[in-house]
Amino acid sequence: MTPASTTAAADARIPGTHPFAAHLRRAAAQPHRPWTPEDGALPSLYVSHGGGPMPLADPGWLDPLLRWARSLPRPRAILIVSAHWESAPLSLSAARPDELVYDFGGFDPIYHTFRYDTPDATALIREVTALLPDGERAHQHARRGLDHGAWVPMKIMYPEADVPVLQLSLPTDRPAELLAIGERLRPLRESGVLVVGSGHMTHGLPFLSRENFVDNAVPGWSADFDAWAADALARGDVDELARFRDAPGMPYAHPTVEHYTPLFVTLGAATEPTAPVVTLDGYGFGLSRRSFQVA
């Protein structure tokens, strides 16, 4: 079986009453034109990926993420940096892994049956490696699959599993170094590769309460940090964004910073960090879902 057909076979076993089954039907009814050189460079994306597999059952995530994907040509390949793989030196996932990384617990077991078998990414590995500084190599993990920060949003956006997806590790939390990595990756966009940073604009899980989960009440620290980030992004002020440790709402908005820092790979891969196009905003369980693309 081809990777896409393996995924399709697993998707066919999802109960018809599950929201993702309806999502698959909607996606199938929307043809997706492939990228061509005439389209020019694709934007780079920052995606707030939600908690574990929950977006797979939430139309508030499913619908806008699919619309976002369909607003762009179907990429030739996808390179994604996720908050859930912090590893130095710089590392790459397998070209065609056997399994996903189901790095979540406490959810319906059905999510451990979801698959996302995408085409072989060997060609993209070569392209990424060629863009690294002389003498520097990314460590190749022969078996590591995509973690949920990568496969959950990509399965929503590109459920046909017909685009090669490669994951790049997050090797540091230093904005300058991540911007430099993104800048190295910038030429990929010109050849139809989508560069994605996947995190969450606020991620203060230890400080959430029952009201956040039941009523989607927004904590002050989450709203304050989101407003600060939205203002700095709108002004294209990368230096201000790099001072995130002193931002309003910290350290509650990000007690650890790995869900914020993929943003710098996104901005580094952009031609100009001008005002981004916000594609998803609002809050989920009190956490900011702000996501954007930048040219």
Protein backbone atom coordinates (compact mmCIF):
# COMPACT_ATOMS: atom_id res chain seq x y z
CA MET A 1 0.00 0.00 0.00
CA THR A 2 1.10 3.56 -0.61
CA PRO A 3 1.51 5.89 2.40
CA ALA A 4 -1.63 7.80 1.46
CA SER A 5 -3.67 4.61 1.12
CA THR A 6 -2.45 3.38 4.51
CA THR A 7 -3.66 6.62 6.05
CA ALA A 8 -6.93 6.41 4.13
CA ALA A 9 -7.52 2.87 5.41
CA ALA A 10 -7.03 4.04 9.01
CA ASP A 11 -9.27 7.07 8.40
CA ALA A 12 -12.01 4.79 7.09
CA ARG A 13 -12.18 3.16 10.53
CA ILE A 14 -12.92 6.45 12.30
CA PRO A 15 -16.58 6.37 13.40
CA GLY A 16 -18.82 8.42 11.13
CA THR A 17 -20.07 10.39 14.11
CA HIS A 18 -16.58 11.65 15.00
CA PRO A 19 -15.98 15.29 13.94
CA PHE A 20 -12.86 14.30 12.05
CA ALA A 21 -14.88 12.00 9.77
CA ALA A 22 -16.94 15.00 8.68
CA HIS A 23 -13.71 16.96 8.27
CA LEU A 24 -12.38 14.35 5.87
CA ARG A 25 -15.55 14.58 3.81
CA ARG A 26 -15.27 18.36 3.62
CA ALA A 27 -11.62 18.15 2.59
CA ALA A 28 -12.39 15.59 -0.13
CA ALA A 29 -14.94 17.98 -1.62
CA GLN A 30 -12.35 20.76 -1.98
CA PRO A 31 -9.81 20.21 -4.76
CA HIS A 32 -6.35 21.49 -3.86
CA ARG A 33 -4.22 22.94 -6.63
CA PRO A 34 -0.52 21.99 -6.39
CA TRP A 35 2.17 24.65 -6.12
CA THR A 36 3.96 25.66 -9.34
CA PRO A 37 7.00 27.95 -9.77
CA GLU A 38 4.65 30.61 -11.13
CA ASP A 39 3.16 30.88 -7.63
CA GLY A 40 6.43 32.20 -6.23
CA ALA A 41 7.61 31.62 -2.68
CA LEU A 42 5.20 30.13 -0.18
CA PRO A 43 4.76 31.98 3.12
CA SER A 44 6.18 30.62 6.37
CA LEU A 45 3.68 29.65 9.05
CA TYR A 46 3.38 29.69 12.83
CA VAL A 47 0.64 27.34 14.05
CA SER A 48 -0.74 27.14 17.57
CA HIS A 49 -1.40 23.41 17.58
CA GLY A 50 -3.78 22.95 20.52
CA GLY A 51 -3.61 20.44 23.34
CA GLY A 52 -2.72 16.87 22.39
CA PRO A 53 -5.18 15.45 19.86
CA MET A 54 -8.09 17.72 20.92
CA PRO A 55 -8.10 19.82 17.69
CA LEU A 56 -8.96 16.63 15.76
CA ALA A 57 -12.42 16.73 17.34
CA ASP A 58 -13.03 20.49 17.44
CA PRO A 59 -14.59 22.33 14.48
CA GLY A 60 -13.12 25.51 15.96
CA TRP A 61 -9.74 24.13 14.93
CA LEU A 62 -10.67 21.86 12.03
CA ASP A 63 -12.48 24.39 9.85
CA PRO A 64 -10.05 27.35 10.05
CA LEU A 65 -6.96 25.18 9.64
CA LEU A 66 -8.40 23.52 6.54
CA ARG A 67 -9.42 26.90 5.09
CA TRP A 68 -5.89 28.13 5.73
CA ALA A 69 -4.33 25.20 3.89
CA ARG A 70 -6.75 25.52 0.97
CA SER A 71 -6.00 29.25 0.66
CA LEU A 72 -2.45 28.30 -0.37
CA PRO A 73 -1.27 26.05 -3.20
CA ARG A 74 -0.59 22.51 -2.04
CA PRO A 75 3.12 22.55 -1.14
CA ARG A 76 5.68 20.28 -2.70
CA ALA A 77 6.86 19.33 0.78
CA ILE A 78 6.59 20.54 4.39
CA LEU A 79 9.37 21.19 6.92
CA ILE A 80 8.04 21.64 10.45
CA VAL A 81 9.65 22.58 13.76
CA SER A 82 7.58 21.49 16.77
CA ALA A 83 7.70 22.49 20.41
CA HIS A 84 7.69 18.80 21.31
CA TRP A 85 11.10 17.91 19.93
CA GLU A 86 13.83 19.83 21.70
CA SER A 87 17.11 18.31 20.61
CA ALA A 88 20.60 19.58 19.99
CA PRO A 89 22.49 19.35 17.77
CA LEU A 90 19.98 20.04 15.02
CA SER A 91 18.20 16.82 14.10
CA LEU A 92 15.85 15.53 11.41
CA SER A 93 13.08 12.97 11.65
CA ALA A 94 12.98 9.84 9.53
CA ALA A 95 12.35 10.24 5.81
CA ARG A 96 9.47 7.78 6.04
CA PRO A 97 8.89 6.64 9.63
CA ASP A 98 6.90 3.54 10.50
CA GLU A 99 4.93 5.17 13.32
CA LEU A 100 3.81 8.51 14.63
CA VAL A 101 4.80 9.69 18.09
CA TYR A 102 1.66 9.55 20.26
CA ASP A 103 3.11 11.82 22.92
CA PHE A 104 -0.08 12.42 24.90
CA GLY A 105 -2.16 10.57 27.45
CA GLY A 106 -5.59 10.67 29.02
CA PHE A 107 -7.47 10.95 25.74
CA ASP A 108 -9.78 8.59 23.87
CA PRO A 109 -7.70 5.59 22.69
CA ILE A 110 -9.02 6.17 19.16
CA TYR A 111 -6.33 8.83 18.66
CA HIS A 112 -3.63 6.17 18.95
CA THR A 113 -5.13 4.54 15.86
CA PHE A 114 -4.82 7.69 13.74
CA ARG A 115 -2.14 7.51 11.08
CA TYR A 116 -0.38 10.04 8.90
CA ASP A 117 1.79 8.12 6.47
CA THR A 118 3.21 10.76 4.17
CA PRO A 119 5.46 10.23 1.11
CA ASP A 120 9.19 9.72 1.42
CA ALA A 121 11.00 12.94 2.42
CA THR A 122 14.53 11.90 1.37
CA ALA A 123 14.72 14.64 -1.25
CA LEU A 124 13.80 17.27 1.34
CA ILE A 125 16.46 15.92 3.71
CA ARG A 126 19.05 16.55 1.01
CA GLU A 127 17.73 20.06 0.40
CA VAL A 128 17.78 20.96 4.10
CA THR A 129 21.25 19.52 4.57
CA ALA A 130 22.56 21.53 1.64
CA LEU A 131 21.42 24.75 3.31
CA LEU A 132 23.28 24.18 6.57
CA PRO A 133 26.61 25.96 7.17
CA ASP A 134 29.71 24.27 5.82
CA GLY A 135 30.83 21.50 8.10
CA GLU A 136 27.53 21.33 9.99
CA ARG A 137 25.27 18.30 9.68
CA ALA A 138 21.84 17.63 11.06
CA HIS A 139 21.66 14.34 12.92
CA GLN A 140 19.42 11.93 11.02
CA HIS A 141 17.04 9.86 13.14
CA ALA A 142 16.35 6.75 11.11
CA ARG A 143 13.12 5.83 12.91
CA ARG A 144 11.72 8.93 14.63
CA GLY A 145 8.22 9.82 13.49
CA LEU A 146 6.29 13.07 13.73
CA ASP A 147 5.17 14.12 17.22
CA HIS A 148 1.69 15.48 17.89
CA GLY A 149 2.86 19.09 17.51
CA ALA A 150 3.63 18.19 13.90
CA TRP A 151 1.21 15.50 12.79
CA VAL A 152 -1.99 16.80 14.42
CA PRO A 153 -2.05 20.21 12.68
CA MET A 154 -0.69 18.79 9.42
CA LYS A 155 -3.26 15.99 9.35
CA ILE A 156 -5.97 18.63 9.76
CA MET A 157 -4.54 20.91 7.09
CA TYR A 158 -3.43 18.21 4.61
CA PRO A 159 -5.52 15.14 5.50
CA GLU A 160 -4.86 13.44 2.17
CA ALA A 161 -1.32 12.64 3.41
CA ASP A 162 0.01 13.33 -0.09
CA VAL A 163 2.74 15.82 0.84
CA PRO A 164 6.14 14.73 2.25
CA VAL A 165 6.57 16.02 5.82
CA LEU A 166 9.91 16.28 7.59
CA GLN A 167 10.41 17.42 11.18
CA LEU A 168 13.37 19.53 12.31
CA SER A 169 14.27 19.60 15.98
CA LEU A 170 14.22 22.75 18.12
CA PRO A 171 17.88 22.93 19.19
CA THR A 172 17.84 26.09 21.36
CA ASP A 173 15.59 28.70 22.90
CA ARG A 174 17.78 31.61 21.80
CA PRO A 175 15.86 33.82 19.34
CA ALA A 176 18.94 34.92 17.38
CA GLU A 177 20.01 31.33 16.69
CA LEU A 178 16.50 30.28 15.69
CA LEU A 179 16.14 33.29 13.40
CA ALA A 180 19.42 32.27 11.77
CA ILE A 181 18.14 28.72 11.23
CA GLY A 182 14.99 30.10 9.64
CA GLU A 183 17.04 32.36 7.40
CA ARG A 184 19.03 29.36 6.19
CA LEU A 185 15.78 27.61 5.33
CA ARG A 186 14.33 30.58 3.43
CA PRO A 187 15.28 29.29 -0.06
CA LEU A 188 13.05 26.26 0.49
CA ARG A 189 9.99 28.49 0.28
CA GLU A 190 10.96 29.54 -3.24
CA SER A 191 10.85 25.92 -4.38
CA GLY A 192 7.41 25.15 -3.00
CA VAL A 193 8.33 23.93 0.49
CA LEU A 194 6.15 25.10 3.37
CA VAL A 195 8.21 26.03 6.46
CA VAL A 196 6.15 25.74 9.65
CA GLY A 197 6.82 26.57 13.29
CA SER A 198 4.39 24.74 15.58
CA GLY A 199 3.78 25.77 19.18
CA HIS A 200 1.14 27.72 21.10
CA MET A 201 0.99 31.48 21.59
CA THR A 202 0.32 30.96 25.29
CA HIS A 203 0.89 27.68 27.08
CA GLY A 204 0.60 28.12 30.83
CA LEU A 205 -0.93 24.71 31.47
CA PRO A 206 0.08 24.56 35.18
CA PHE A 207 -1.88 27.74 35.86
CA LEU A 208 -5.20 26.78 34.27
CA SER A 209 -8.29 26.12 36.36
CA ARG A 210 -11.59 24.32 35.91
CA GLU A 211 -13.14 27.55 34.61
CA ASN A 212 -10.64 27.60 31.75
CA PHE A 213 -11.45 24.05 30.65
CA VAL A 214 -15.22 24.23 31.18
CA ASP A 215 -16.04 27.83 30.27
CA ASN A 216 -12.96 28.82 28.21
CA ALA A 217 -12.36 31.63 30.71
CA VAL A 218 -9.26 33.56 29.63
CA PRO A 219 -6.69 34.20 32.39
CA GLY A 220 -5.32 37.72 32.54
CA TRP A 221 -1.79 36.50 31.91
CA SER A 222 -2.89 34.76 28.69
CA ALA A 223 -4.76 37.81 27.39
CA ASP A 224 -1.90 40.16 28.33
CA PHE A 225 0.77 38.10 26.59
CA ASP A 226 -1.38 37.60 23.50
CA ALA A 227 -2.07 41.34 23.22
CA TRP A 228 1.64 42.10 23.57
CA ALA A 229 2.58 39.53 20.91
CA ALA A 230 -0.18 40.69 18.55
CA ASP A 231 1.06 44.29 18.77
CA ALA A 232 4.72 43.38 18.21
CA LEU A 233 3.84 41.09 15.30
CA ALA A 234 1.67 43.75 13.67
CA ARG A 235 4.62 46.14 13.79
CA GLY A 236 7.10 43.51 12.59
CA ASP A 237 9.15 44.19 15.71
CA VAL A 238 11.30 41.07 15.96
CA ASP A 239 13.55 42.64 18.60
CA GLU A 240 10.53 43.18 20.86
CA LEU A 241 9.34 39.60 20.28
CA ALA A 242 12.81 38.39 21.27
CA ARG A 243 12.39 40.11 24.66
CA PHE A 244 9.53 37.76 25.47
CA ARG A 245 10.86 36.85 28.91
CA ASP A 246 9.99 40.38 30.05
CA ALA A 247 6.60 40.46 28.31
CA PRO A 248 3.30 41.03 30.16
CA GLY A 249 1.89 37.78 31.49
CA MET A 250 5.26 36.09 31.92
CA PRO A 251 6.25 33.64 33.25
CA TYR A 252 2.69 32.31 33.52
CA ALA A 253 2.06 32.47 29.77
CA HIS A 254 5.17 30.34 29.15
CA PRO A 255 6.61 28.67 32.26
CA THR A 256 8.75 26.84 29.70
CA VAL A 257 9.32 28.57 26.38
CA GLU A 258 9.37 25.81 23.76
CA HIS A 259 5.84 26.56 22.56
CA TYR A 260 6.73 30.18 21.83
CA THR A 261 10.20 29.94 20.32
CA PRO A 262 9.30 28.09 17.06
CA LEU A 263 7.92 31.49 16.06
CA PHE A 264 11.48 32.66 15.43
CA VAL A 265 12.11 29.94 12.84
CA THR A 266 8.95 31.14 11.09
CA LEU A 267 10.08 34.78 11.16
CA GLY A 268 13.62 33.92 10.12
CA ALA A 269 12.34 32.04 7.08
CA ALA A 270 10.25 35.06 6.03
CA THR A 271 11.62 37.43 3.40
CA GLU A 272 10.55 40.38 5.52
CA PRO A 273 9.02 40.12 9.02
CA THR A 274 6.32 42.60 8.07
CA ALA A 275 2.80 42.53 9.41
CA PRO A 276 1.66 38.90 9.31
CA VAL A 277 -1.67 37.60 8.14
CA VAL A 278 -3.41 36.21 11.23
CA THR A 279 -5.29 33.06 10.29
CA LEU A 280 -6.49 31.83 13.68
CA ASP A 281 -7.06 33.80 16.86
CA GLY A 282 -9.19 33.60 19.96
CA TYR A 283 -8.67 31.16 22.80
CA GLY A 284 -8.98 27.47 23.52
CA PHE A 285 -9.28 26.53 27.21
CA GLY A 286 -8.00 30.02 28.00
CA LEU A 287 -4.85 29.70 25.88
CA SER A 288 -4.19 31.92 22.87
CA ARG A 289 -4.55 30.15 19.52
CA ARG A 290 -2.93 33.01 17.55
CA SER A 291 -1.50 31.60 14.32
CA PHE A 292 -0.20 33.47 11.31
CA GLN A 293 1.61 33.39 8.00
CA VAL A 294 4.28 35.81 6.84
CA ALA A 295 5.72 36.32 3.38
